[in-house]
Amino acid sequence: MKNAYDIIKRPVITEKSMESVADKKYVFMVDTQANKTEIKAAIEEIFGVKVEKVNTISMQGKVKRNGAYPAGRRPAYKKAVITLKNDSKTIEFFEGMV
C-alpha cells in the first residue's frame, strides 16, 4: 500500500490555481498511478480536511529542444483538483499565498 506522501507530490502554484482557493479548490501534482479514492484519503490524512470532490487530469510532457536536432520530452504527470466541503477548514499551506 502506498504512503499518503507518495501519492501527493507537491502543490501546483499558478495564478489560475490561486484564484480558485477562495472557492476551497486546491490543485496538487499526484502520482500517475493513483486513483481518486487514494487521492481523497491522502489529502484527508495529510491536511485533516473533508474532501467533497476530486477531479484528475493526466498531462502529457512538453517536447523541448536543446539545440538543433535532439528533441527531448519532459515527463508526463497527473494533476488533481481537490474541492473541500463547506464545513471543512481550509488548507493553511495556501493561506499566505493569496
N, C-alpha and C. Protein backbone atom coordinates (compact mmCIF):
# COMPACT_ATOMS: atom_id res chain seq x y z
N MET A 1 0.84 -1.18 0.00
CA MET A 1 0.00 0.00 0.00
C MET A 1 0.87 1.24 0.00
N LYS A 2 0.43 2.26 -0.72
CA LYS A 2 1.21 3.48 -0.84
C LYS A 2 1.04 4.37 0.38
N ASN A 3 2.09 5.10 0.68
CA ASN A 3 2.06 6.11 1.73
C ASN A 3 1.34 7.34 1.18
N ALA A 4 0.71 8.13 2.05
CA ALA A 4 0.00 9.33 1.61
C ALA A 4 0.96 10.33 0.98
N TYR A 5 2.17 10.39 1.47
CA TYR A 5 3.16 11.32 0.93
C TYR A 5 3.75 10.84 -0.40
N ASP A 6 3.57 9.56 -0.74
CA ASP A 6 3.96 9.06 -2.05
C ASP A 6 2.91 9.42 -3.10
N ILE A 7 1.67 9.55 -2.68
CA ILE A 7 0.58 9.86 -3.61
C ILE A 7 0.57 11.35 -3.93
N ILE A 8 0.63 12.20 -2.91
CA ILE A 8 0.61 13.66 -3.09
C ILE A 8 2.05 14.13 -3.20
N LYS A 9 2.44 14.61 -4.38
CA LYS A 9 3.82 15.01 -4.60
C LYS A 9 4.08 16.45 -4.17
N ARG A 10 3.29 17.40 -4.72
CA ARG A 10 3.50 18.81 -4.38
C ARG A 10 2.30 19.62 -4.83
N PRO A 11 2.10 20.80 -4.26
CA PRO A 11 1.02 21.67 -4.74
C PRO A 11 1.41 22.35 -6.05
N VAL A 12 0.41 22.70 -6.83
CA VAL A 12 0.63 23.44 -8.07
C VAL A 12 0.32 24.90 -7.78
N ILE A 13 1.33 25.77 -7.86
CA ILE A 13 1.18 27.18 -7.53
C ILE A 13 1.22 27.98 -8.83
N THR A 14 0.03 28.34 -9.33
CA THR A 14 -0.09 29.18 -10.52
C THR A 14 -1.14 30.24 -10.23
N GLU A 15 -1.25 31.21 -11.12
CA GLU A 15 -2.27 32.24 -10.94
C GLU A 15 -3.67 31.64 -10.98
N LYS A 16 -3.90 30.74 -11.89
CA LYS A 16 -5.22 30.12 -12.03
C LYS A 16 -5.57 29.28 -10.81
N SER A 17 -4.61 28.54 -10.28
CA SER A 17 -4.90 27.71 -9.12
C SER A 17 -5.09 28.55 -7.86
N MET A 18 -4.43 29.69 -7.77
CA MET A 18 -4.58 30.56 -6.60
C MET A 18 -5.92 31.30 -6.61
N GLU A 19 -6.49 31.53 -7.79
CA GLU A 19 -7.81 32.17 -7.87
C GLU A 19 -8.90 31.26 -7.31
N SER A 20 -8.74 29.97 -7.44
CA SER A 20 -9.76 29.03 -7.00
C SER A 20 -9.66 28.68 -5.52
N VAL A 21 -8.65 29.19 -4.81
CA VAL A 21 -8.51 28.91 -3.39
C VAL A 21 -9.68 29.50 -2.60
N ALA A 22 -10.22 30.63 -3.06
CA ALA A 22 -11.37 31.25 -2.38
C ALA A 22 -12.60 30.34 -2.43
N ASP A 23 -12.71 29.49 -3.44
CA ASP A 23 -13.83 28.55 -3.57
C ASP A 23 -13.51 27.20 -2.93
N LYS A 24 -12.44 27.14 -2.15
CA LYS A 24 -11.96 25.91 -1.49
C LYS A 24 -11.60 24.83 -2.50
N LYS A 25 -10.93 25.24 -3.59
CA LYS A 25 -10.41 24.29 -4.58
C LYS A 25 -8.90 24.42 -4.58
N TYR A 26 -8.22 23.30 -4.46
CA TYR A 26 -6.77 23.26 -4.40
C TYR A 26 -6.25 22.29 -5.45
N VAL A 27 -5.09 22.61 -6.03
CA VAL A 27 -4.52 21.80 -7.11
C VAL A 27 -3.21 21.19 -6.61
N PHE A 28 -3.07 19.89 -6.80
CA PHE A 28 -1.87 19.17 -6.39
C PHE A 28 -1.37 18.32 -7.55
N MET A 29 -0.06 18.13 -7.61
CA MET A 29 0.53 17.15 -8.52
C MET A 29 0.56 15.83 -7.75
N VAL A 30 0.04 14.77 -8.38
CA VAL A 30 -0.09 13.49 -7.70
C VAL A 30 0.61 12.39 -8.50
N ASP A 31 0.69 11.22 -7.91
CA ASP A 31 1.29 10.06 -8.57
C ASP A 31 0.44 9.67 -9.78
N THR A 32 1.09 9.29 -10.87
CA THR A 32 0.36 8.98 -12.10
C THR A 32 -0.49 7.71 -11.96
N GLN A 33 -0.16 6.83 -11.04
CA GLN A 33 -0.91 5.59 -10.87
C GLN A 33 -2.01 5.69 -9.82
N ALA A 34 -2.13 6.84 -9.14
CA ALA A 34 -3.11 6.99 -8.07
C ALA A 34 -4.51 7.23 -8.63
N ASN A 35 -5.52 6.66 -7.96
CA ASN A 35 -6.90 6.90 -8.36
C ASN A 35 -7.53 7.93 -7.42
N LYS A 36 -8.79 8.27 -7.69
CA LYS A 36 -9.45 9.35 -6.95
C LYS A 36 -9.66 9.01 -5.48
N THR A 37 -9.98 7.77 -5.16
CA THR A 37 -10.20 7.41 -3.77
C THR A 37 -8.91 7.44 -2.97
N GLU A 38 -7.80 7.04 -3.58
CA GLU A 38 -6.50 7.12 -2.90
C GLU A 38 -6.09 8.58 -2.68
N ILE A 39 -6.36 9.44 -3.66
CA ILE A 39 -6.02 10.85 -3.54
C ILE A 39 -6.85 11.49 -2.44
N LYS A 40 -8.14 11.18 -2.38
CA LYS A 40 -9.01 11.73 -1.35
C LYS A 40 -8.55 11.32 0.04
N ALA A 41 -8.23 10.04 0.22
CA ALA A 41 -7.78 9.55 1.52
C ALA A 41 -6.45 10.20 1.92
N ALA A 42 -5.55 10.40 0.95
CA ALA A 42 -4.25 11.00 1.26
C ALA A 42 -4.39 12.46 1.67
N ILE A 43 -5.25 13.22 0.99
CA ILE A 43 -5.46 14.63 1.34
C ILE A 43 -6.09 14.74 2.73
N GLU A 44 -7.08 13.91 3.02
CA GLU A 44 -7.72 13.95 4.33
C GLU A 44 -6.76 13.56 5.43
N GLU A 45 -5.84 12.63 5.16
CA GLU A 45 -4.86 12.22 6.17
C GLU A 45 -3.79 13.28 6.40
N ILE A 46 -3.28 13.88 5.34
CA ILE A 46 -2.18 14.84 5.47
C ILE A 46 -2.64 16.16 6.09
N PHE A 47 -3.75 16.70 5.57
CA PHE A 47 -4.16 18.05 5.97
C PHE A 47 -5.30 18.06 6.99
N GLY A 48 -5.94 16.95 7.24
CA GLY A 48 -7.02 16.89 8.21
C GLY A 48 -8.25 17.67 7.79
N VAL A 49 -8.64 17.58 6.52
CA VAL A 49 -9.80 18.29 5.98
C VAL A 49 -10.80 17.28 5.45
N LYS A 50 -12.00 17.76 5.08
CA LYS A 50 -13.03 16.90 4.49
C LYS A 50 -13.12 17.21 3.00
N VAL A 51 -12.87 16.21 2.17
CA VAL A 51 -12.87 16.39 0.72
C VAL A 51 -14.24 16.05 0.17
N GLU A 52 -14.78 16.94 -0.65
CA GLU A 52 -16.07 16.70 -1.29
C GLU A 52 -15.90 16.01 -2.63
N LYS A 53 -14.95 16.51 -3.47
CA LYS A 53 -14.82 16.01 -4.84
C LYS A 53 -13.36 16.05 -5.27
N VAL A 54 -12.98 15.11 -6.11
CA VAL A 54 -11.63 15.05 -6.68
C VAL A 54 -11.76 14.95 -8.19
N ASN A 55 -11.16 15.89 -8.91
CA ASN A 55 -11.08 15.83 -10.37
C ASN A 55 -9.62 15.63 -10.74
N THR A 56 -9.35 14.71 -11.66
CA THR A 56 -7.97 14.45 -12.07
C THR A 56 -7.81 14.70 -13.56
N ILE A 57 -6.58 15.03 -13.94
CA ILE A 57 -6.24 15.22 -15.35
C ILE A 57 -4.82 14.72 -15.56
N SER A 58 -4.63 13.91 -16.59
CA SER A 58 -3.29 13.43 -16.95
C SER A 58 -2.70 14.36 -17.99
N MET A 59 -1.56 14.93 -17.70
CA MET A 59 -0.91 15.90 -18.57
C MET A 59 0.26 15.23 -19.29
N GLN A 60 0.35 15.44 -20.59
CA GLN A 60 1.47 14.93 -21.36
C GLN A 60 2.64 15.90 -21.23
N GLY A 61 3.85 15.35 -21.23
CA GLY A 61 5.03 16.19 -21.13
C GLY A 61 5.27 16.98 -22.41
N LYS A 62 5.79 18.19 -22.24
CA LYS A 62 6.06 19.04 -23.39
C LYS A 62 7.31 18.58 -24.12
N VAL A 63 7.33 18.79 -25.43
CA VAL A 63 8.53 18.49 -26.22
C VAL A 63 9.45 19.70 -26.12
N LYS A 64 10.68 19.47 -25.71
CA LYS A 64 11.66 20.54 -25.55
C LYS A 64 12.90 20.21 -26.36
N ARG A 65 13.51 21.27 -26.90
CA ARG A 65 14.73 21.10 -27.68
C ARG A 65 15.87 21.82 -26.99
N ASN A 66 17.03 21.25 -27.13
CA ASN A 66 18.24 21.88 -26.63
C ASN A 66 19.24 21.84 -27.79
N GLY A 67 19.12 22.82 -28.68
CA GLY A 67 19.95 22.82 -29.88
C GLY A 67 19.10 22.45 -31.08
N ALA A 68 19.74 21.97 -32.11
CA ALA A 68 19.05 21.75 -33.36
C ALA A 68 18.33 20.40 -33.43
N TYR A 69 19.02 19.30 -33.21
CA TYR A 69 18.44 18.01 -33.53
C TYR A 69 17.81 17.27 -32.34
N PRO A 70 18.52 17.06 -31.25
CA PRO A 70 17.98 16.13 -30.25
C PRO A 70 16.82 16.75 -29.47
N ALA A 71 15.61 16.42 -29.87
CA ALA A 71 14.43 16.88 -29.15
C ALA A 71 14.13 15.90 -28.03
N GLY A 72 13.87 16.43 -26.85
CA GLY A 72 13.54 15.59 -25.71
C GLY A 72 12.12 15.87 -25.26
N ARG A 73 11.69 15.14 -24.28
CA ARG A 73 10.34 15.30 -23.76
C ARG A 73 10.40 15.37 -22.24
N ARG A 74 9.66 16.33 -21.69
CA ARG A 74 9.53 16.39 -20.24
C ARG A 74 8.61 15.25 -19.79
N PRO A 75 8.75 14.82 -18.55
CA PRO A 75 7.92 13.69 -18.11
C PRO A 75 6.44 14.04 -18.00
N ALA A 76 5.59 13.05 -18.24
CA ALA A 76 4.15 13.22 -18.07
C ALA A 76 3.84 13.23 -16.58
N TYR A 77 2.74 13.89 -16.20
CA TYR A 77 2.36 13.97 -14.79
C TYR A 77 0.85 14.01 -14.68
N LYS A 78 0.36 13.94 -13.46
CA LYS A 78 -1.07 13.94 -13.19
C LYS A 78 -1.38 15.01 -12.17
N LYS A 79 -2.44 15.80 -12.44
CA LYS A 79 -2.88 16.83 -11.52
C LYS A 79 -4.22 16.43 -10.92
N ALA A 80 -4.47 16.87 -9.70
CA ALA A 80 -5.75 16.63 -9.05
C ALA A 80 -6.26 17.95 -8.50
N VAL A 81 -7.52 18.27 -8.83
CA VAL A 81 -8.19 19.44 -8.29
C VAL A 81 -9.08 18.95 -7.16
N ILE A 82 -8.78 19.40 -5.94
CA ILE A 82 -9.47 18.95 -4.74
C ILE A 82 -10.47 20.02 -4.33
N THR A 83 -11.75 19.65 -4.19
CA THR A 83 -12.78 20.55 -3.69
C THR A 83 -13.14 20.12 -2.28
N LEU A 84 -13.04 21.06 -1.33
CA LEU A 84 -13.35 20.76 0.06
C LEU A 84 -14.82 21.03 0.34
N LYS A 85 -15.35 20.38 1.38
CA LYS A 85 -16.73 20.61 1.80
C LYS A 85 -16.84 21.99 2.44
N ASN A 86 -18.04 22.53 2.46
CA ASN A 86 -18.25 23.87 3.00
C ASN A 86 -17.94 23.96 4.49
N ASP A 87 -18.21 22.90 5.26
CA ASP A 87 -17.96 22.94 6.70
C ASP A 87 -16.53 22.54 7.06
N SER A 88 -15.70 22.28 6.08
CA SER A 88 -14.31 21.88 6.33
C SER A 88 -13.43 23.11 6.52
N LYS A 89 -12.35 22.92 7.27
CA LYS A 89 -11.38 24.01 7.41
C LYS A 89 -10.56 24.11 6.13
N THR A 90 -9.86 25.24 5.97
CA THR A 90 -9.04 25.43 4.77
C THR A 90 -7.66 24.80 4.98
N ILE A 91 -6.93 24.67 3.90
CA ILE A 91 -5.56 24.16 3.98
C ILE A 91 -4.65 25.35 4.25
N GLU A 92 -3.96 25.35 5.38
CA GLU A 92 -3.19 26.51 5.82
C GLU A 92 -1.97 26.79 4.96
N PHE A 93 -1.53 25.81 4.19
CA PHE A 93 -0.36 26.00 3.35
C PHE A 93 -0.59 27.11 2.33
N PHE A 94 -1.81 27.25 1.85
CA PHE A 94 -2.13 28.21 0.80
C PHE A 94 -2.55 29.59 1.35
N GLU A 95 -2.66 29.74 2.66
CA GLU A 95 -3.21 30.97 3.24
C GLU A 95 -2.37 32.20 2.92
N GLY A 96 -1.07 32.13 3.04
CA GLY A 96 -0.22 33.30 2.83
C GLY A 96 0.06 33.62 1.38
N MET A 97 -0.37 32.78 0.45
CA MET A 97 -0.03 32.97 -0.95
C MET A 97 -1.09 33.72 -1.72
N VAL A 98 -2.27 33.86 -1.16
CA VAL A 98 -3.38 34.51 -1.88
C VAL A 98 -3.27 36.01 -1.75
